[in-house]
Amino acid sequence: MEDLEAEAFLADKAYDTNELLDMLKEADIAAVIPPVKSRKKQRAYSHELYRARHVIENVFRALKRWRGIAARYAKLTASFIAAIRVRCLFLYLPVHTT
């Protein structure tokens, strides 16, 4: 986390810990994490930005539906990244099979 460079950190309630929030504040990264209900003092977060997290989760779900990525058949890191890029192309481009 020390080398993390980002404007915001999007995560679900499971990541709502004081330690992580302090680390993000120290790194000047906005924490977009909904507070757990048991927190005594509820804190604000960007609901609009948190909704964007749903899109990210859908991309990961679509990637994992491809067996080669889910099972990590590629032995080399370069091959694995290439497989992810190919899958992203299929997700992004309107590919029609006839």
PDB file of N, CA and C in Angstrom:
ATOM      1  N   MET A   1       0.811  -1.201   0.000  1.00  0.00           N
ATOM      2  CA  MET A   1       0.000   0.000   0.000  1.00  0.00           C
ATOM      3  C   MET A   1       0.854   1.265   0.000  1.00  0.00           C
ATOM      4  N   GLU A   2       2.116   1.160   0.380  1.00  0.00           N
ATOM      5  CA  GLU A   2       2.953   2.355   0.472  1.00  0.00           C
ATOM      6  C   GLU A   2       3.151   3.012  -0.892  1.00  0.00           C
ATOM      7  N   ASP A   3       3.243   2.205  -1.952  1.00  0.00           N
ATOM      8  CA  ASP A   3       3.509   2.738  -3.287  1.00  0.00           C
ATOM      9  C   ASP A   3       2.237   2.994  -4.087  1.00  0.00           C
ATOM     10  N   LEU A   4       1.091   2.889  -3.464  1.00  0.00           N
ATOM     11  CA  LEU A   4      -0.185   3.056  -4.144  1.00  0.00           C
ATOM     12  C   LEU A   4      -0.402   4.518  -4.521  1.00  0.00           C
ATOM     13  N   GLU A   5      -0.689   4.742  -5.800  1.00  0.00           N
ATOM     14  CA  GLU A   5      -0.986   6.089  -6.282  1.00  0.00           C
ATOM     15  C   GLU A   5      -2.379   6.079  -6.883  1.00  0.00           C
ATOM     16  N   ALA A   6      -3.311   6.776  -6.247  1.00  0.00           N
ATOM     17  CA  ALA A   6      -4.684   6.834  -6.731  1.00  0.00           C
ATOM     18  C   ALA A   6      -5.370   8.052  -6.127  1.00  0.00           C
ATOM     19  N   GLU A   7      -6.463   8.444  -6.769  1.00  0.00           N
ATOM     20  CA  GLU A   7      -7.259   9.537  -6.228  1.00  0.00           C
ATOM     21  C   GLU A   7      -8.264   9.022  -5.213  1.00  0.00           C
ATOM     22  N   ALA A   8      -8.757   7.794  -5.463  1.00  0.00           N
ATOM     23  CA  ALA A   8      -9.777   7.225  -4.579  1.00  0.00           C
ATOM     24  C   ALA A   8      -9.557   5.722  -4.446  1.00  0.00           C
ATOM     25  N   PHE A   9      -9.994   5.189  -3.315  1.00  0.00           N
ATOM     26  CA  PHE A   9      -9.909   3.758  -3.029  1.00  0.00           C
ATOM     27  C   PHE A   9     -11.335   3.266  -2.837  1.00  0.00           C
ATOM     28  N   LEU A  10     -11.846   2.467  -3.785  1.00  0.00           N
ATOM     29  CA  LEU A  10     -13.204   1.955  -3.731  1.00  0.00           C
ATOM     30  C   LEU A  10     -13.193   0.551  -3.145  1.00  0.00           C
ATOM     31  N   ALA A  11     -13.990   0.337  -2.120  1.00  0.00           N
ATOM     32  CA  ALA A  11     -14.055  -0.981  -1.494  1.00  0.00           C
ATOM     33  C   ALA A  11     -15.392  -1.144  -0.790  1.00  0.00           C
ATOM     34  N   ASP A  12     -15.708  -2.381  -0.429  1.00  0.00           N
ATOM     35  CA  ASP A  12     -16.966  -2.607   0.278  1.00  0.00           C
ATOM     36  C   ASP A  12     -16.764  -2.479   1.786  1.00  0.00           C
ATOM     37  N   LYS A  13     -17.827  -2.745   2.529  1.00  0.00           N
ATOM     38  CA  LYS A  13     -17.813  -2.530   3.979  1.00  0.00           C
ATOM     39  C   LYS A  13     -16.773  -3.371   4.713  1.00  0.00           C
ATOM     40  N   ALA A  14     -16.364  -4.460   4.126  1.00  0.00           N
ATOM     41  CA  ALA A  14     -15.384  -5.327   4.778  1.00  0.00           C
ATOM     42  C   ALA A  14     -14.043  -4.621   4.979  1.00  0.00           C
ATOM     43  N   TYR A  15     -13.781  -3.579   4.187  1.00  0.00           N
ATOM     44  CA  TYR A  15     -12.516  -2.848   4.281  1.00  0.00           C
ATOM     45  C   TYR A  15     -12.621  -1.608   5.163  1.00  0.00           C
ATOM     46  N   ASP A  16     -13.717  -1.456   5.866  1.00  0.00           N
ATOM     47  CA  ASP A  16     -13.915  -0.294   6.739  1.00  0.00           C
ATOM     48  C   ASP A  16     -13.204  -0.528   8.070  1.00  0.00           C
ATOM     49  N   THR A  17     -11.897  -0.311   8.055  1.00  0.00           N
ATOM     50  CA  THR A  17     -11.102  -0.431   9.280  1.00  0.00           C
ATOM     51  C   THR A  17     -10.378   0.884   9.524  1.00  0.00           C
ATOM     52  N   ASN A  18     -10.190   1.207  10.786  1.00  0.00           N
ATOM     53  CA  ASN A  18      -9.491   2.446  11.129  1.00  0.00           C
ATOM     54  C   ASN A  18      -8.072   2.457  10.585  1.00  0.00           C
ATOM     55  N   GLU A  19      -7.411   1.299  10.616  1.00  0.00           N
ATOM     56  CA  GLU A  19      -6.026   1.209  10.127  1.00  0.00           C
ATOM     57  C   GLU A  19      -5.950   1.562   8.643  1.00  0.00           C
ATOM     58  N   LEU A  20      -6.835   0.981   7.834  1.00  0.00           N
ATOM     59  CA  LEU A  20      -6.835   1.260   6.401  1.00  0.00           C
ATOM     60  C   LEU A  20      -7.224   2.715   6.134  1.00  0.00           C
ATOM     61  N   LEU A  21      -8.212   3.210   6.836  1.00  0.00           N
ATOM     62  CA  LEU A  21      -8.633   4.599   6.643  1.00  0.00           C
ATOM     63  C   LEU A  21      -7.515   5.574   6.990  1.00  0.00           C
ATOM     64  N   ASP A  22      -6.761   5.263   8.035  1.00  0.00           N
ATOM     65  CA  ASP A  22      -5.622   6.117   8.397  1.00  0.00           C
ATOM     66  C   ASP A  22      -4.536   6.079   7.329  1.00  0.00           C
ATOM     67  N   MET A  23      -4.277   4.881   6.780  1.00  0.00           N
ATOM     68  CA  MET A  23      -3.269   4.749   5.725  1.00  0.00           C
ATOM     69  C   MET A  23      -3.674   5.547   4.485  1.00  0.00           C
ATOM     70  N   LEU A  24      -4.955   5.483   4.124  1.00  0.00           N
ATOM     71  CA  LEU A  24      -5.433   6.210   2.957  1.00  0.00           C
ATOM     72  C   LEU A  24      -5.374   7.713   3.183  1.00  0.00           C
ATOM     73  N   LYS A  25      -5.719   8.131   4.382  1.00  0.00           N
ATOM     74  CA  LYS A  25      -5.664   9.559   4.699  1.00  0.00           C
ATOM     75  C   LYS A  25      -4.229  10.069   4.640  1.00  0.00           C
ATOM     76  N   GLU A  26      -3.303   9.263   5.140  1.00  0.00           N
ATOM     77  CA  GLU A  26      -1.884   9.610   5.116  1.00  0.00           C
ATOM     78  C   GLU A  26      -1.363   9.741   3.683  1.00  0.00           C
ATOM     79  N   ALA A  27      -1.865   8.890   2.793  1.00  0.00           N
ATOM     80  CA  ALA A  27      -1.441   8.902   1.395  1.00  0.00           C
ATOM     81  C   ALA A  27      -2.253   9.892   0.557  1.00  0.00           C
ATOM     82  N   ASP A  28      -3.166  10.617   1.187  1.00  0.00           N
ATOM     83  CA  ASP A  28      -4.028  11.596   0.517  1.00  0.00           C
ATOM     84  C   ASP A  28      -4.875  10.942  -0.574  1.00  0.00           C
ATOM     85  N   ILE A  29      -5.464   9.788  -0.233  1.00  0.00           N
ATOM     86  CA  ILE A  29      -6.349   9.052  -1.135  1.00  0.00           C
ATOM     87  C   ILE A  29      -7.737   9.053  -0.507  1.00  0.00           C
ATOM     88  N   ALA A  30      -8.737   9.408  -1.300  1.00  0.00           N
ATOM     89  CA  ALA A  30     -10.119   9.442  -0.801  1.00  0.00           C
ATOM     90  C   ALA A  30     -10.621   8.021  -0.572  1.00  0.00           C
ATOM     91  N   ALA A  31     -11.164   7.769   0.602  1.00  0.00           N
ATOM     92  CA  ALA A  31     -11.718   6.453   0.926  1.00  0.00           C
ATOM     93  C   ALA A  31     -13.190   6.429   0.528  1.00  0.00           C
ATOM     94  N   VAL A  32     -13.514   5.618  -0.459  1.00  0.00           N
ATOM     95  CA  VAL A  32     -14.894   5.452  -0.892  1.00  0.00           C
ATOM     96  C   VAL A  32     -15.336   4.081  -0.388  1.00  0.00           C
ATOM     97  N   ILE A  33     -15.571   4.026   0.908  1.00  0.00           N
ATOM     98  CA  ILE A  33     -15.924   2.783   1.593  1.00  0.00           C
ATOM     99  C   ILE A  33     -17.123   3.085   2.480  1.00  0.00           C
ATOM    100  N   PRO A  34     -18.249   2.417   2.249  1.00  0.00           N
ATOM    101  CA  PRO A  34     -19.389   2.668   3.138  1.00  0.00           C
ATOM    102  C   PRO A  34     -19.063   2.181   4.548  1.00  0.00           C
ATOM    103  N   PRO A  35     -19.459   2.944   5.562  1.00  0.00           N
ATOM    104  CA  PRO A  35     -19.152   2.522   6.937  1.00  0.00           C
ATOM    105  C   PRO A  35     -20.044   1.365   7.378  1.00  0.00           C
ATOM    106  N   VAL A  36     -19.492   0.501   8.207  1.00  0.00           N
ATOM    107  CA  VAL A  36     -20.297  -0.586   8.762  1.00  0.00           C
ATOM    108  C   VAL A  36     -21.323   0.008   9.716  1.00  0.00           C
ATOM    109  N   LYS A  37     -22.424  -0.677   9.900  1.00  0.00           N
ATOM    110  CA  LYS A  37     -23.501  -0.147  10.745  1.00  0.00           C
ATOM    111  C   LYS A  37     -23.104  -0.054  12.204  1.00  0.00           C
ATOM    112  N   SER A  38     -22.137  -0.857  12.616  1.00  0.00           N
ATOM    113  CA  SER A  38     -21.745  -0.861  14.029  1.00  0.00           C
ATOM    114  C   SER A  38     -20.801   0.290  14.392  1.00  0.00           C
ATOM    115  N   ARG A  39     -20.395   1.090  13.400  1.00  0.00           N
ATOM    116  CA  ARG A  39     -19.536   2.234  13.672  1.00  0.00           C
ATOM    117  C   ARG A  39     -20.293   3.268  14.482  1.00  0.00           C
ATOM    118  N   LYS A  40     -19.694   3.720  15.565  1.00  0.00           N
ATOM    119  CA  LYS A  40     -20.366   4.708  16.418  1.00  0.00           C
ATOM    120  C   LYS A  40     -20.579   6.018  15.684  1.00  0.00           C
ATOM    121  N   LYS A  41     -19.556   6.478  14.969  1.00  0.00           N
ATOM    122  CA  LYS A  41     -19.666   7.718  14.217  1.00  0.00           C
ATOM    123  C   LYS A  41     -19.628   7.376  12.729  1.00  0.00           C
ATOM    124  N   GLN A  42     -20.768   7.480  12.079  1.00  0.00           N
ATOM    125  CA  GLN A  42     -20.840   7.197  10.647  1.00  0.00           C
ATOM    126  C   GLN A  42     -20.137   8.319   9.885  1.00  0.00           C
ATOM    127  N   ARG A  43     -19.401   7.942   8.849  1.00  0.00           N
ATOM    128  CA  ARG A  43     -18.693   8.948   8.062  1.00  0.00           C
ATOM    129  C   ARG A  43     -19.263   8.986   6.655  1.00  0.00           C
ATOM    130  N   ALA A  44     -19.059  10.098   5.997  1.00  0.00           N
ATOM    131  CA  ALA A  44     -19.587  10.286   4.643  1.00  0.00           C
ATOM    132  C   ALA A  44     -18.660   9.639   3.615  1.00  0.00           C
ATOM    133  N   TYR A  45     -19.240   9.267   2.492  1.00  0.00           N
ATOM    134  CA  TYR A  45     -18.487   8.746   1.350  1.00  0.00           C
ATOM    135  C   TYR A  45     -19.274   9.073   0.089  1.00  0.00           C
ATOM    136  N   SER A  46     -18.631   9.031  -1.048  1.00  0.00           N
ATOM    137  CA  SER A  46     -19.270   9.373  -2.316  1.00  0.00           C
ATOM    138  C   SER A  46     -20.121   8.198  -2.818  1.00  0.00           C
ATOM    139  N   HIS A  47     -21.430   8.366  -2.749  1.00  0.00           N
ATOM    140  CA  HIS A  47     -22.333   7.308  -3.213  1.00  0.00           C
ATOM    141  C   HIS A  47     -22.226   7.118  -4.730  1.00  0.00           C
ATOM    142  N   GLU A  48     -22.024   8.211  -5.456  1.00  0.00           N
ATOM    143  CA  GLU A  48     -21.917   8.127  -6.920  1.00  0.00           C
ATOM    144  C   GLU A  48     -20.672   7.348  -7.335  1.00  0.00           C
ATOM    145  N   LEU A  49     -19.563   7.633  -6.684  1.00  0.00           N
ATOM    146  CA  LEU A  49     -18.327   6.933  -7.007  1.00  0.00           C
ATOM    147  C   LEU A  49     -18.405   5.469  -6.569  1.00  0.00           C
ATOM    148  N   TYR A  50     -19.077   5.210  -5.464  1.00  0.00           N
ATOM    149  CA  TYR A  50     -19.211   3.835  -4.989  1.00  0.00           C
ATOM    150  C   TYR A  50     -20.029   3.002  -5.971  1.00  0.00           C
ATOM    151  N   ARG A  51     -21.012   3.624  -6.630  1.00  0.00           N
ATOM    152  CA  ARG A  51     -21.807   2.908  -7.627  1.00  0.00           C
ATOM    153  C   ARG A  51     -20.945   2.464  -8.807  1.00  0.00           C
ATOM    154  N   ALA A  52     -19.885   3.212  -9.107  1.00  0.00           N
ATOM    155  CA  ALA A  52     -18.986   2.839 -10.202  1.00  0.00           C
ATOM    156  C   ALA A  52     -18.257   1.538  -9.892  1.00  0.00           C
ATOM    157  N   ARG A  53     -18.139   1.202  -8.625  1.00  0.00           N
ATOM    158  CA  ARG A  53     -17.495  -0.041  -8.210  1.00  0.00           C
ATOM    159  C   ARG A  53     -18.225  -1.246  -8.803  1.00  0.00           C
ATOM    160  N   HIS A  54     -19.529  -1.117  -8.986  1.00  0.00           N
ATOM    161  CA  HIS A  54     -20.335  -2.190  -9.562  1.00  0.00           C
ATOM    162  C   HIS A  54     -19.848  -2.547 -10.971  1.00  0.00           C
ATOM    163  N   VAL A  55     -19.487  -1.555 -11.750  1.00  0.00           N
ATOM    164  CA  VAL A  55     -18.977  -1.788 -13.107  1.00  0.00           C
ATOM    165  C   VAL A  55     -17.677  -2.576 -13.052  1.00  0.00           C
ATOM    166  N   ILE A  56     -16.814  -2.212 -12.129  1.00  0.00           N
ATOM    167  CA  ILE A  56     -15.536  -2.907 -11.970  1.00  0.00           C
ATOM    168  C   ILE A  56     -15.773  -4.363 -11.584  1.00  0.00           C
ATOM    169  N   GLU A  57     -16.700  -4.602 -10.654  1.00  0.00           N
ATOM    170  CA  GLU A  57     -17.012  -5.967 -10.239  1.00  0.00           C
ATOM    171  C   GLU A  57     -17.551  -6.786 -11.419  1.00  0.00           C
ATOM    172  N   ASN A  58     -18.357  -6.159 -12.282  1.00  0.00           N
ATOM    173  CA  ASN A  58     -18.887  -6.871 -13.440  1.00  0.00           C
ATOM    174  C   ASN A  58     -17.791  -7.271 -14.415  1.00  0.00           C
ATOM    175  N   VAL A  59     -16.781  -6.418 -14.579  1.00  0.00           N
ATOM    176  CA  VAL A  59     -15.666  -6.756 -15.469  1.00  0.00           C
ATOM    177  C   VAL A  59     -14.904  -7.957 -14.914  1.00  0.00           C
ATOM    178  N   PHE A  60     -14.642  -7.959 -13.614  1.00  0.00           N
ATOM    179  CA  PHE A  60     -13.952  -9.113 -13.022  1.00  0.00           C
ATOM    180  C   PHE A  60     -14.781 -10.386 -13.170  1.00  0.00           C
ATOM    181  N   ARG A  61     -16.092 -10.287 -12.996  1.00  0.00           N
ATOM    182  CA  ARG A  61     -16.951 -11.457 -13.162  1.00  0.00           C
ATOM    183  C   ARG A  61     -16.882 -11.966 -14.598  1.00  0.00           C
ATOM    184  N   ALA A  62     -16.909 -11.048 -15.573  1.00  0.00           N
ATOM    185  CA  ALA A  62     -16.839 -11.452 -16.971  1.00  0.00           C
ATOM    186  C   ALA A  62     -15.483 -12.079 -17.304  1.00  0.00           C
ATOM    187  N   LEU A  63     -14.419 -11.555 -16.713  1.00  0.00           N
ATOM    188  CA  LEU A  63     -13.098 -12.146 -16.942  1.00  0.00           C
ATOM    189  C   LEU A  63     -13.023 -13.554 -16.374  1.00  0.00           C
ATOM    190  N   LYS A  64     -13.578 -13.748 -15.197  1.00  0.00           N
ATOM    191  CA  LYS A  64     -13.495 -15.060 -14.554  1.00  0.00           C
ATOM    192  C   LYS A  64     -14.377 -16.102 -15.220  1.00  0.00           C
ATOM    193  N   ARG A  65     -15.339 -15.656 -16.049  1.00  0.00           N
ATOM    194  CA  ARG A  65     -16.165 -16.628 -16.774  1.00  0.00           C
ATOM    195  C   ARG A  65     -15.356 -17.327 -17.857  1.00  0.00           C
ATOM    196  N   TRP A  66     -14.237 -16.748 -18.247  1.00  0.00           N
ATOM    197  CA  TRP A  66     -13.354 -17.374 -19.212  1.00  0.00           C
ATOM    198  C   TRP A  66     -12.454 -18.334 -18.451  1.00  0.00           C
ATOM    199  N   ARG A  67     -12.602 -19.611 -18.717  1.00  0.00           N
ATOM    200  CA  ARG A  67     -11.937 -20.645 -17.936  1.00  0.00           C
ATOM    201  C   ARG A  67     -10.426 -20.501 -17.887  1.00  0.00           C
ATOM    202  N   GLY A  68      -9.832 -20.075 -18.973  1.00  0.00           N
ATOM    203  CA  GLY A  68      -8.380 -19.928 -19.021  1.00  0.00           C
ATOM    204  C   GLY A  68      -7.862 -18.898 -18.035  1.00  0.00           C
ATOM    205  N   ILE A  69      -8.659 -17.874 -17.767  1.00  0.00           N
ATOM    206  CA  ILE A  69      -8.262 -16.850 -16.801  1.00  0.00           C
ATOM    207  C   ILE A  69      -8.589 -17.296 -15.389  1.00  0.00           C
ATOM    208  N   ALA A  70      -9.771 -17.855 -15.210  1.00  0.00           N
ATOM    209  CA  ALA A  70     -10.193 -18.278 -13.874  1.00  0.00           C
ATOM    210  C   ALA A  70      -9.261 -19.343 -13.299  1.00  0.00           C
ATOM    211  N   ALA A  71      -8.836 -20.289 -14.136  1.00  0.00           N
ATOM    212  CA  ALA A  71      -7.970 -21.372 -13.664  1.00  0.00           C
ATOM    213  C   ALA A  71      -6.487 -21.020 -13.789  1.00  0.00           C
ATOM    214  N   ARG A  72      -6.193 -19.886 -14.401  1.00  0.00           N
ATOM    215  CA  ARG A  72      -4.820 -19.414 -14.615  1.00  0.00           C
ATOM    216  C   ARG A  72      -3.974 -20.493 -15.298  1.00  0.00           C
ATOM    217  N   TYR A  73      -4.432 -20.880 -16.499  1.00  0.00           N
ATOM    218  CA  TYR A  73      -3.691 -21.882 -17.272  1.00  0.00           C
ATOM    219  C   TYR A  73      -2.362 -21.346 -17.789  1.00  0.00           C
ATOM    220  N   ALA A  74      -2.277 -20.055 -18.014  1.00  0.00           N
ATOM    221  CA  ALA A  74      -1.037 -19.469 -18.522  1.00  0.00           C
ATOM    222  C   ALA A  74       0.036 -19.547 -17.448  1.00  0.00           C
ATOM    223  N   LYS A  75       1.169 -20.069 -17.800  1.00  0.00           N
ATOM    224  CA  LYS A  75       2.253 -20.224 -16.827  1.00  0.00           C
ATOM    225  C   LYS A  75       3.047 -18.935 -16.637  1.00  0.00           C
ATOM    226  N   LEU A  76       3.207 -18.183 -17.712  1.00  0.00           N
ATOM    227  CA  LEU A  76       3.981 -16.949 -17.647  1.00  0.00           C
ATOM    228  C   LEU A  76       3.069 -15.756 -17.398  1.00  0.00           C
ATOM    229  N   THR A  77       3.574 -14.785 -16.690  1.00  0.00           N
ATOM    230  CA  THR A  77       2.808 -13.575 -16.400  1.00  0.00           C
ATOM    231  C   THR A  77       2.418 -12.869 -17.684  1.00  0.00           C
ATOM    232  N   ALA A  78       3.333 -12.801 -18.636  1.00  0.00           N
ATOM    233  CA  ALA A  78       3.052 -12.130 -19.907  1.00  0.00           C
ATOM    234  C   ALA A  78       1.907 -12.814 -20.644  1.00  0.00           C
ATOM    235  N   SER A  79       1.867 -14.130 -20.617  1.00  0.00           N
ATOM    236  CA  SER A  79       0.789 -14.874 -21.275  1.00  0.00           C
ATOM    237  C   SER A  79      -0.544 -14.635 -20.580  1.00  0.00           C
ATOM    238  N   PHE A  80      -0.520 -14.575 -19.263  1.00  0.00           N
ATOM    239  CA  PHE A  80      -1.738 -14.334 -18.491  1.00  0.00           C
ATOM    240  C   PHE A  80      -2.297 -12.940 -18.784  1.00  0.00           C
ATOM    241  N   ILE A  81      -1.426 -11.940 -18.807  1.00  0.00           N
ATOM    242  CA  ILE A  81      -1.853 -10.572 -19.107  1.00  0.00           C
ATOM    243  C   ILE A  81      -2.376 -10.486 -20.536  1.00  0.00           C
ATOM    244  N   ALA A  82      -1.746 -11.191 -21.464  1.00  0.00           N
ATOM    245  CA  ALA A  82      -2.219 -11.213 -22.847  1.00  0.00           C
ATOM    246  C   ALA A  82      -3.615 -11.822 -22.927  1.00  0.00           C
ATOM    247  N   ALA A  83      -3.858 -12.878 -22.180  1.00  0.00           N
ATOM    248  CA  ALA A  83      -5.185 -13.497 -22.160  1.00  0.00           C
ATOM    249  C   ALA A  83      -6.231 -12.531 -21.607  1.00  0.00           C
ATOM    250  N   ILE A  84      -5.879 -11.787 -20.582  1.00  0.00           N
ATOM    251  CA  ILE A  84      -6.807 -10.800 -20.023  1.00  0.00           C
ATOM    252  C   ILE A  84      -7.102  -9.716 -21.048  1.00  0.00           C
ATOM    253  N   ARG A  85      -6.085  -9.274 -21.767  1.00  0.00           N
ATOM    254  CA  ARG A  85      -6.284  -8.241 -22.787  1.00  0.00           C
ATOM    255  C   ARG A  85      -7.178  -8.729 -23.921  1.00  0.00           C
ATOM    256  N   VAL A  86      -6.986  -9.970 -24.336  1.00  0.00           N
ATOM    257  CA  VAL A  86      -7.829 -10.532 -25.394  1.00  0.00           C
ATOM    258  C   VAL A  86      -9.270 -10.615 -24.915  1.00  0.00           C
ATOM    259  N   ARG A  87      -9.472 -11.066 -23.696  1.00  0.00           N
ATOM    260  CA  ARG A  87     -10.827 -11.160 -23.144  1.00  0.00           C
ATOM    261  C   ARG A  87     -11.470  -9.778 -23.031  1.00  0.00           C
ATOM    262  N   CYS A  88     -10.698  -8.779 -22.636  1.00  0.00           N
ATOM    263  CA  CYS A  88     -11.227  -7.414 -22.545  1.00  0.00           C
ATOM    264  C   CYS A  88     -11.626  -6.893 -23.917  1.00  0.00           C
ATOM    265  N   LEU A  89     -10.855  -7.248 -24.941  1.00  0.00           N
ATOM    266  CA  LEU A  89     -11.233  -6.855 -26.302  1.00  0.00           C
ATOM    267  C   LEU A  89     -12.574  -7.462 -26.682  1.00  0.00           C
ATOM    268  N   PHE A  90     -12.782  -8.727 -26.363  1.00  0.00           N
ATOM    269  CA  PHE A  90     -14.055  -9.369 -26.666  1.00  0.00           C
ATOM    270  C   PHE A  90     -15.204  -8.753 -25.882  1.00  0.00           C
ATOM    271  N   LEU A  91     -14.927  -8.287 -24.680  1.00  0.00           N
ATOM    272  CA  LEU A  91     -15.966  -7.627 -23.888  1.00  0.00           C
ATOM    273  C   LEU A  91     -16.282  -6.243 -24.438  1.00  0.00           C
ATOM    274  N   TYR A  92     -15.259  -5.549 -24.923  1.00  0.00           N
ATOM    275  CA  TYR A  92     -15.416  -4.162 -25.351  1.00  0.00           C
ATOM    276  C   TYR A  92     -15.955  -4.046 -26.782  1.00  0.00           C
ATOM    277  N   LEU A  93     -15.403  -4.855 -27.690  1.00  0.00           N
ATOM    278  CA  LEU A  93     -15.794  -4.759 -29.094  1.00  0.00           C
ATOM    279  C   LEU A  93     -17.047  -5.582 -29.368  1.00  0.00           C
ATOM    280  N   PRO A  94     -17.917  -5.059 -30.236  1.00  0.00           N
ATOM    281  CA  PRO A  94     -19.118  -5.842 -30.584  1.00  0.00           C
ATOM    282  C   PRO A  94     -18.759  -6.954 -31.566  1.00  0.00           C
ATOM    283  N   VAL A  95     -18.409  -8.091 -31.024  1.00  0.00           N
ATOM    284  CA  VAL A  95     -18.006  -9.235 -31.850  1.00  0.00           C
ATOM    285  C   VAL A  95     -19.257 -10.059 -32.161  1.00  0.00           C
ATOM    286  N   HIS A  96     -19.501 -10.259 -33.459  1.00  0.00           N
ATOM    287  CA  HIS A  96     -20.653 -11.063 -33.879  1.00  0.00           C
ATOM    288  C   HIS A  96     -20.163 -12.328 -34.539  1.00  0.00           C
ATOM    289  N   THR A  97     -20.700 -13.444 -34.129  1.00  0.00           N
ATOM    290  CA  THR A  97     -20.344 -14.700 -34.772  1.00  0.00           C
ATOM    291  C   THR A  97     -21.491 -15.117 -35.661  1.00  0.00           C
ATOM    292  N   THR A  98     -21.167 -15.635 -36.818  1.00  0.00           N
ATOM    293  CA  THR A  98     -22.209 -16.053 -37.750  1.00  0.00           C
ATOM    294  C   THR A  98     -22.169 -17.514 -37.978  1.00  0.00           C
TER     295      THR A  98
END
